[in-house]
Amino acid sequence: MTLTRQQIIALALTMLLVGGCLLFLDAVKSMLTPFVVGVVLAYLIDPLVTRLHRYGIPRSLGSAALVAAAISVLGVVMVLGIPMLIEQLASFLQRLPVYIMTLQHYVLPNKLGSLRGLLDVQLTVESLMKPLGLIGAKGAEWTVQAMQQAMSGIAWLVNITLLIVMTPVVAFYFLIDWPRISENVFLTMPKRWRANAKQLARDIDLKLAAYLRGTLAVCVLLGLFYAAALTGMGTLASLIAGEPIDTLEMGWAIGLVTGLLGFLPIIGGTIGILLMYSVALIQYQLQVWEPYALLAIIYMVGQILEGYVLTPMLVGNRVGLHPLWVIFALMAGATLGGIAGMMLALPVAVILSVLLPRVLALWRAAID
């Protein structure tokens, strides 16, 4: 296929424009977070604003009300949750040295003595505690480095302020002008592209909306389930054991984190179960078996609830990403952008799952 001079110029200008946009975004990436979060928030809320507009409520009023409601809910959760988490974490850290000393000097020697007798293996407390100490030291080092980098100078304060102040503003203005922005994007395209572009946008929106809104709902509901189950497991363990057993330290926080990490398939669940058993090992000192069994049951019920109830009901089969594609996307995102890259990996994978088949179809049509 021979390109005309006009097509070559159009292609060169398009590549120049795309390259310039990428360079510009890379230059201002430090200030993009409020805009990205605001656009995502607007995308999630837009169907509700559109529905209110159909009932005669102006988009400006509906947008303001829904953005304010979303920010208020998030603010209430943070105001109530963060002080409680800090208090429980401080209390747990105060008891942590006693837990570790008891585990190292009393519990593990007794357990290892019986294990050596049964299996005829040479295990020592030091051989088990050394890897844990190395992991803990490395984790503490990474945490300190991350906090030092995040809070260096006034950059941290500026970023947090921008995120809190600008995100609602960006979401509000995007919601007001969402139909106009969408239409203007299509009007900038050549006329013969518009029909295909609109169909492509509808297909992407169908999958992306199913992923973002459905996955968010699944993660929140799953987090609430884990939080409630871990908070109440002490009562159930006491009934089974016939003696008082404390509930899991910071169980509600660990449960919420486990649920909210559900947007990272496999990885999120693995982090959650490791958190549960790490705290349980330190707290219960291997003295009772009921909490460990209940943790396994709670986790299995949560996985069944996610895989067979919540995901089919709230996400459905509209996303349809192969597990290997999901794992590759997460690993690629982590390599390119760390945690932020992992968060963006699956939405990008959803978009590519719509774009790539069409690109391949055009390629086949061009060479056949």
Protein backbone atom coordinates (compact mmCIF):
# COMPACT_ATOMS: atom_id res chain seq x y z
CA MET A 1 0.00 0.00 0.00
CA THR A 2 1.44 3.36 -1.13
CA LEU A 3 0.85 6.36 1.09
CA THR A 4 0.04 9.70 -0.44
CA ARG A 5 2.02 12.81 0.44
CA GLN A 6 -0.93 14.09 2.50
CA GLN A 7 -1.15 10.83 4.46
CA ILE A 8 2.60 10.87 5.15
CA ILE A 9 2.39 14.44 6.47
CA ALA A 10 -0.64 13.53 8.62
CA LEU A 11 1.17 10.48 10.02
CA ALA A 12 4.31 12.49 10.79
CA LEU A 13 2.31 15.22 12.51
CA THR A 14 0.40 12.61 14.54
CA MET A 15 3.63 10.95 15.70
CA LEU A 16 5.11 14.36 16.52
CA LEU A 17 2.02 15.31 18.52
CA VAL A 18 1.94 12.01 20.43
CA GLY A 19 5.67 12.22 21.18
CA GLY A 20 5.34 15.80 22.38
CA CYS A 21 2.43 14.87 24.65
CA LEU A 22 4.39 11.99 26.17
CA LEU A 23 7.41 14.20 26.81
CA PHE A 24 5.22 16.87 28.37
CA LEU A 25 3.47 14.36 30.64
CA ASP A 26 6.82 12.94 31.71
CA ALA A 27 8.01 16.44 32.59
CA VAL A 28 4.96 17.22 34.77
CA LYS A 29 4.36 13.71 36.15
CA SER A 30 4.96 14.88 39.73
CA MET A 31 1.76 16.97 39.63
CA LEU A 32 -0.45 14.56 37.70
CA THR A 33 -1.77 12.56 40.66
CA PRO A 34 -4.74 14.87 41.52
CA PHE A 35 -5.75 14.97 37.85
CA VAL A 36 -5.54 11.19 37.41
CA VAL A 37 -7.48 10.54 40.64
CA GLY A 38 -10.00 13.23 39.72
CA VAL A 39 -10.60 11.77 36.26
CA VAL A 40 -11.04 8.27 37.71
CA LEU A 41 -13.47 9.61 40.32
CA ALA A 42 -15.41 11.46 37.61
CA TYR A 43 -15.52 8.32 35.45
CA LEU A 44 -16.91 6.28 38.34
CA ILE A 45 -19.58 8.87 39.22
CA ASP A 46 -20.59 9.91 35.68
CA PRO A 47 -23.39 7.31 35.23
CA LEU A 48 -25.12 8.60 38.38
CA VAL A 49 -24.79 12.21 37.22
CA THR A 50 -26.21 11.25 33.82
CA ARG A 51 -29.13 9.48 35.48
CA LEU A 52 -29.88 12.49 37.69
CA HIS A 53 -29.69 14.74 34.62
CA ARG A 54 -32.36 12.63 32.91
CA TYR A 55 -34.63 13.36 35.88
CA GLY A 56 -34.20 17.10 35.29
CA ILE A 57 -31.38 17.82 37.76
CA PRO A 58 -28.65 20.03 36.20
CA ARG A 59 -25.30 18.33 35.70
CA SER A 60 -23.56 21.02 37.76
CA LEU A 61 -25.82 20.42 40.76
CA GLY A 62 -25.70 16.62 40.45
CA SER A 63 -21.92 16.68 40.02
CA ALA A 64 -21.41 18.91 43.05
CA ALA A 65 -23.69 16.79 45.24
CA LEU A 66 -22.12 13.45 44.28
CA VAL A 67 -18.51 14.67 44.51
CA ALA A 68 -19.26 16.19 47.91
CA ALA A 69 -20.90 12.94 49.04
CA ALA A 70 -17.92 10.85 47.88
CA ILE A 71 -15.39 13.16 49.55
CA SER A 72 -17.49 13.27 52.74
CA VAL A 73 -17.67 9.48 52.98
CA LEU A 74 -13.92 9.20 52.43
CA GLY A 75 -13.29 11.95 55.00
CA VAL A 76 -15.48 10.29 57.63
CA VAL A 77 -13.74 6.96 57.07
CA MET A 78 -10.31 8.58 57.45
CA VAL A 79 -11.29 10.65 60.51
CA LEU A 80 -12.74 7.61 62.28
CA GLY A 81 -10.36 4.95 61.02
CA ILE A 82 -6.91 6.52 61.13
CA PRO A 83 -6.90 7.49 64.85
CA MET A 84 -8.23 4.04 65.76
CA LEU A 85 -5.58 2.37 63.61
CA ILE A 86 -2.80 4.50 65.12
CA GLU A 87 -3.99 3.71 68.65
CA GLN A 88 -4.19 -0.04 68.03
CA LEU A 89 -0.87 -0.08 66.18
CA ALA A 90 0.85 1.79 69.01
CA SER A 91 -0.62 -0.62 71.55
CA PHE A 92 0.48 -3.62 69.49
CA LEU A 93 4.01 -2.25 69.05
CA GLN A 94 4.30 -1.73 72.82
CA ARG A 95 3.54 -5.40 73.40
CA LEU A 96 5.59 -6.63 70.44
CA PRO A 97 8.94 -6.96 72.32
CA VAL A 98 7.26 -9.11 74.97
CA TYR A 99 5.62 -11.25 72.27
CA ILE A 100 8.95 -11.75 70.46
CA MET A 101 10.87 -12.52 73.67
CA THR A 102 8.28 -15.09 74.77
CA LEU A 103 8.23 -16.66 71.32
CA GLN A 104 12.01 -16.86 71.12
CA HIS A 105 12.90 -17.99 74.64
CA TYR A 106 9.93 -20.12 75.72
CA VAL A 107 7.57 -21.16 72.95
CA LEU A 108 9.88 -22.10 70.10
CA PRO A 109 12.37 -24.07 72.25
CA ASN A 110 9.53 -26.24 73.59
CA LYS A 111 7.99 -26.74 70.15
CA LEU A 112 11.34 -27.48 68.53
CA GLY A 113 12.18 -30.00 71.25
CA SER A 114 9.11 -32.07 70.46
CA LEU A 115 9.64 -31.62 66.72
CA ARG A 116 13.23 -32.87 66.90
CA GLY A 117 12.02 -35.93 68.75
CA LEU A 118 9.39 -36.70 66.14
CA LEU A 119 11.31 -35.95 62.94
CA ASP A 120 14.92 -36.38 64.05
CA VAL A 121 15.90 -33.02 62.53
CA GLN A 122 18.33 -30.43 63.78
CA LEU A 123 16.38 -27.20 64.23
CA THR A 124 17.35 -24.33 66.48
CA VAL A 125 15.57 -21.22 67.59
CA GLU A 126 18.33 -19.15 66.00
CA SER A 127 17.89 -20.84 62.62
CA LEU A 128 14.20 -19.89 62.61
CA MET A 129 14.50 -16.42 64.11
CA LYS A 130 17.42 -15.29 61.95
CA PRO A 131 15.44 -15.13 58.66
CA LEU A 132 12.59 -13.39 60.46
CA GLY A 133 15.03 -10.88 61.92
CA LEU A 134 16.60 -10.23 58.53
CA ILE A 135 13.19 -9.74 56.91
CA GLY A 136 12.10 -7.44 59.73
CA ALA A 137 15.29 -5.39 59.56
CA LYS A 138 15.06 -5.05 55.79
CA GLY A 139 11.40 -4.09 56.01
CA ALA A 140 12.15 -1.47 58.64
CA GLU A 141 14.97 -0.09 56.48
CA TRP A 142 12.70 0.18 53.44
CA THR A 143 9.97 1.81 55.53
CA VAL A 144 12.34 4.44 56.94
CA GLN A 145 13.76 5.18 53.49
CA ALA A 146 10.28 5.53 52.00
CA MET A 147 9.18 7.87 54.81
CA GLN A 148 12.35 9.97 54.47
CA GLN A 149 11.83 10.31 50.73
CA ALA A 150 8.12 11.06 51.07
CA MET A 151 8.56 13.70 53.76
CA SER A 152 11.71 15.35 52.46
CA GLY A 153 11.37 19.12 52.34
CA ILE A 154 7.90 20.49 51.68
CA ALA A 155 7.24 18.28 48.65
CA TRP A 156 5.20 15.82 50.70
CA LEU A 157 2.97 18.53 52.17
CA VAL A 158 2.47 20.16 48.77
CA ASN A 159 1.54 16.84 47.13
CA ILE A 160 -0.95 15.94 49.86
CA THR A 161 -2.50 19.40 49.75
CA LEU A 162 -2.82 19.26 45.97
CA LEU A 163 -4.38 15.81 46.18
CA ILE A 164 -6.95 16.84 48.79
CA VAL A 165 -7.84 20.21 47.26
CA MET A 166 -7.52 19.58 43.53
CA THR A 167 -9.06 16.11 43.21
CA PRO A 168 -12.67 17.24 43.95
CA VAL A 169 -12.22 20.30 41.72
CA VAL A 170 -10.92 18.23 38.79
CA ALA A 171 -13.67 15.62 39.24
CA PHE A 172 -16.37 18.33 39.40
CA TYR A 173 -15.32 20.08 36.20
CA PHE A 174 -14.84 16.83 34.33
CA LEU A 175 -18.32 15.68 35.36
CA ILE A 176 -19.93 18.92 34.19
CA ASP A 177 -18.28 18.80 30.77
CA TRP A 178 -18.01 15.02 30.30
CA PRO A 179 -20.46 14.80 27.33
CA ARG A 180 -18.92 17.88 25.69
CA ILE A 181 -15.35 16.58 26.17
CA SER A 182 -16.28 13.20 24.70
CA GLU A 183 -17.95 14.79 21.68
CA ASN A 184 -15.05 17.18 21.06
CA VAL A 185 -12.59 14.29 21.08
CA PHE A 186 -14.52 12.59 18.30
CA LEU A 187 -14.88 15.85 16.34
CA THR A 188 -11.09 16.20 16.17
CA MET A 189 -10.90 12.91 14.23
CA PRO A 190 -11.39 12.53 10.48
CA LYS A 191 -15.05 11.94 9.60
CA ARG A 192 -14.48 8.43 8.27
CA TRP A 193 -12.92 7.39 11.61
CA ARG A 194 -15.66 8.66 13.89
CA ALA A 195 -18.11 5.77 13.65
CA ASN A 196 -15.43 3.15 14.33
CA ALA A 197 -13.89 5.31 17.08
CA LYS A 198 -17.25 5.68 18.84
CA GLN A 199 -17.86 1.93 18.67
CA LEU A 200 -14.36 1.31 20.00
CA ALA A 201 -14.94 3.78 22.84
CA ARG A 202 -18.22 2.06 23.74
CA ASP A 203 -16.50 -1.35 23.84
CA ILE A 204 -13.68 0.01 26.01
CA ASP A 205 -16.16 1.76 28.30
CA LEU A 206 -18.16 -1.44 28.71
CA LYS A 207 -15.13 -3.42 29.85
CA LEU A 208 -13.40 -0.66 31.76
CA ALA A 209 -16.55 0.33 33.65
CA ALA A 210 -17.18 -3.30 34.55
CA TYR A 211 -13.64 -3.60 35.85
CA LEU A 212 -13.34 -0.31 37.74
CA ARG A 213 -16.81 -0.06 39.28
CA GLY A 214 -17.26 -3.80 39.75
CA THR A 215 -13.80 -4.43 41.18
CA LEU A 216 -14.11 -1.45 43.54
CA ALA A 217 -17.42 -2.80 44.87
CA VAL A 218 -15.96 -6.31 45.23
CA CYS A 219 -12.91 -5.02 47.13
CA VAL A 220 -14.99 -2.88 49.52
CA LEU A 221 -17.47 -5.69 50.28
CA LEU A 222 -14.68 -8.22 50.68
CA GLY A 223 -12.79 -5.87 53.00
CA LEU A 224 -15.90 -5.42 55.15
CA PHE A 225 -16.34 -9.21 55.32
CA TYR A 226 -12.73 -9.83 56.36
CA ALA A 227 -12.82 -6.96 58.87
CA ALA A 228 -16.03 -8.25 60.50
CA ALA A 229 -14.83 -11.87 60.49
CA LEU A 230 -11.40 -11.10 61.97
CA THR A 231 -12.92 -8.78 64.57
CA GLY A 232 -15.36 -11.47 65.72
CA MET A 233 -13.07 -14.48 65.50
CA GLY A 234 -12.02 -14.13 69.15
CA THR A 235 -15.58 -14.82 70.32
CA LEU A 236 -15.91 -17.87 68.06
CA ALA A 237 -12.47 -19.19 69.07
CA SER A 238 -13.43 -18.81 72.74
CA LEU A 239 -16.62 -20.83 72.18
CA ILE A 240 -14.68 -23.60 70.44
CA ALA A 241 -11.85 -23.71 72.98
CA GLY A 242 -14.05 -23.28 76.04
CA GLU A 243 -11.72 -20.59 77.38
CA PRO A 244 -11.28 -16.85 76.65
CA ILE A 245 -9.19 -16.12 73.55
CA ASP A 246 -8.46 -12.57 72.46
CA THR A 247 -9.43 -11.49 68.98
CA LEU A 248 -6.71 -10.88 66.40
CA GLU A 249 -4.71 -7.70 67.00
CA MET A 250 -5.73 -5.03 64.45
CA GLY A 251 -7.99 -7.61 62.83
CA TRP A 252 -10.34 -5.06 61.31
CA ALA A 253 -7.45 -3.16 59.69
CA ILE A 254 -5.86 -6.34 58.34
CA GLY A 255 -9.26 -7.41 57.01
CA LEU A 256 -9.84 -4.11 55.22
CA VAL A 257 -6.35 -4.18 53.72
CA THR A 258 -6.82 -7.78 52.54
CA GLY A 259 -10.11 -6.90 50.87
CA LEU A 260 -8.91 -3.66 49.28
CA LEU A 261 -5.85 -5.44 47.89
CA GLY A 262 -8.24 -7.69 45.99
CA PHE A 263 -7.67 -5.58 42.87
CA LEU A 264 -4.27 -7.33 42.69
CA PRO A 265 -5.22 -10.95 41.90
CA ILE A 266 -3.15 -13.57 43.74
CA ILE A 267 -0.73 -10.94 45.11
CA GLY A 268 -3.34 -9.15 47.25
CA GLY A 269 -4.66 -12.37 48.79
CA THR A 270 -1.14 -13.62 49.48
CA ILE A 271 -0.22 -10.40 51.29
CA GLY A 272 -3.44 -10.61 53.31
CA ILE A 273 -2.99 -14.19 54.51
CA LEU A 274 0.67 -13.52 55.37
CA LEU A 275 -0.38 -10.52 57.47
CA MET A 276 -3.03 -12.57 59.28
CA TYR A 277 -0.72 -15.46 60.17
CA SER A 278 2.26 -13.24 61.01
CA VAL A 279 0.24 -11.33 63.60
CA ALA A 280 -1.41 -14.56 64.81
CA LEU A 281 1.98 -16.24 65.29
CA ILE A 282 3.26 -13.32 67.35
CA GLN A 283 0.06 -12.90 69.36
CA TYR A 284 -1.09 -16.46 70.08
CA GLN A 285 2.42 -17.91 70.50
CA LEU A 286 1.39 -21.33 69.10
CA GLN A 287 -0.39 -22.00 72.42
CA VAL A 288 -3.87 -22.55 70.91
CA TRP A 289 -4.86 -23.96 67.53
CA GLU A 290 -8.36 -22.49 67.17
CA PRO A 291 -7.35 -19.00 65.85
CA TYR A 292 -5.10 -20.50 63.16
CA ALA A 293 -7.86 -22.82 61.98
CA LEU A 294 -10.38 -19.97 61.97
CA LEU A 295 -8.03 -17.79 59.93
CA ALA A 296 -7.79 -20.51 57.28
CA ILE A 297 -11.59 -20.90 57.23
CA ILE A 298 -12.17 -17.12 57.03
CA TYR A 299 -9.70 -16.79 54.16
CA MET A 300 -11.20 -19.71 52.23
CA VAL A 301 -14.74 -18.37 52.71
CA GLY A 302 -13.55 -14.96 51.51
CA GLN A 303 -11.99 -16.45 48.39
CA ILE A 304 -15.14 -18.43 47.63
CA LEU A 305 -17.26 -15.34 48.23
CA GLU A 306 -15.07 -13.32 45.88
CA GLY A 307 -14.74 -15.91 43.12
CA TYR A 308 -18.24 -17.39 43.04
CA VAL A 309 -20.55 -14.65 44.36
CA LEU A 310 -19.23 -11.08 44.28
CA THR A 311 -17.14 -11.12 41.09
CA PRO A 312 -19.75 -12.90 38.91
CA MET A 313 -22.50 -10.65 40.30
CA LEU A 314 -20.70 -7.26 40.19
CA VAL A 315 -18.11 -7.72 37.44
CA GLY A 316 -19.51 -10.58 35.39
CA ASN A 317 -17.86 -11.93 32.27
CA ARG A 318 -17.57 -8.58 30.52
CA VAL A 319 -13.89 -8.10 31.37
CA GLY A 320 -12.73 -11.59 30.44
CA LEU A 321 -8.97 -11.21 30.99
CA HIS A 322 -6.98 -14.44 30.92
CA PRO A 323 -5.18 -15.14 34.25
CA LEU A 324 -1.78 -15.23 32.50
CA TRP A 325 -2.50 -11.82 30.93
CA VAL A 326 -3.43 -10.48 34.38
CA ILE A 327 -0.21 -11.79 35.98
CA PHE A 328 1.93 -10.44 33.12
CA ALA A 329 0.22 -7.03 33.34
CA LEU A 330 0.81 -6.83 37.10
CA MET A 331 4.49 -7.82 36.80
CA ALA A 332 5.05 -5.38 33.92
CA GLY A 333 3.31 -2.59 35.84
CA ALA A 334 5.39 -3.27 38.96
CA THR A 335 8.59 -3.23 36.89
CA LEU A 336 7.75 0.02 35.13
CA GLY A 337 6.07 1.98 37.91
CA GLY A 338 6.14 0.14 41.24
CA ILE A 339 2.88 0.11 43.20
CA ALA A 340 1.38 2.88 41.07
CA GLY A 341 2.24 0.86 37.97
CA MET A 342 0.49 -2.20 39.42
CA MET A 343 -2.63 -0.13 40.12
CA LEU A 344 -2.71 1.11 36.52
CA ALA A 345 -1.69 -2.22 34.97
CA LEU A 346 -5.09 -3.90 34.88
CA PRO A 347 -7.07 -0.89 33.51
CA VAL A 348 -4.43 -0.57 30.76
CA ALA A 349 -4.68 -4.33 30.15
CA VAL A 350 -8.46 -4.03 29.83
CA ILE A 351 -8.07 -1.25 27.23
CA LEU A 352 -5.43 -3.24 25.32
CA SER A 353 -7.69 -6.31 25.32
CA VAL A 354 -10.11 -4.24 23.22
CA LEU A 355 -7.53 -2.44 21.06
CA LEU A 356 -5.16 -5.28 20.17
CA PRO A 357 -7.71 -7.53 18.37
CA ARG A 358 -8.74 -4.59 16.18
CA VAL A 359 -5.12 -3.64 15.43
CA LEU A 360 -4.36 -7.23 14.49
CA ALA A 361 -7.45 -7.33 12.27
CA LEU A 362 -6.31 -4.17 10.46
CA TRP A 363 -2.82 -5.63 10.09
CA ARG A 364 -4.15 -8.85 8.59
CA ALA A 365 -6.42 -6.91 6.23
CA ALA A 366 -3.47 -4.76 5.11
CA ILE A 367 -1.17 -7.68 4.22
CA ASP A 368 -3.71 -10.20 2.86
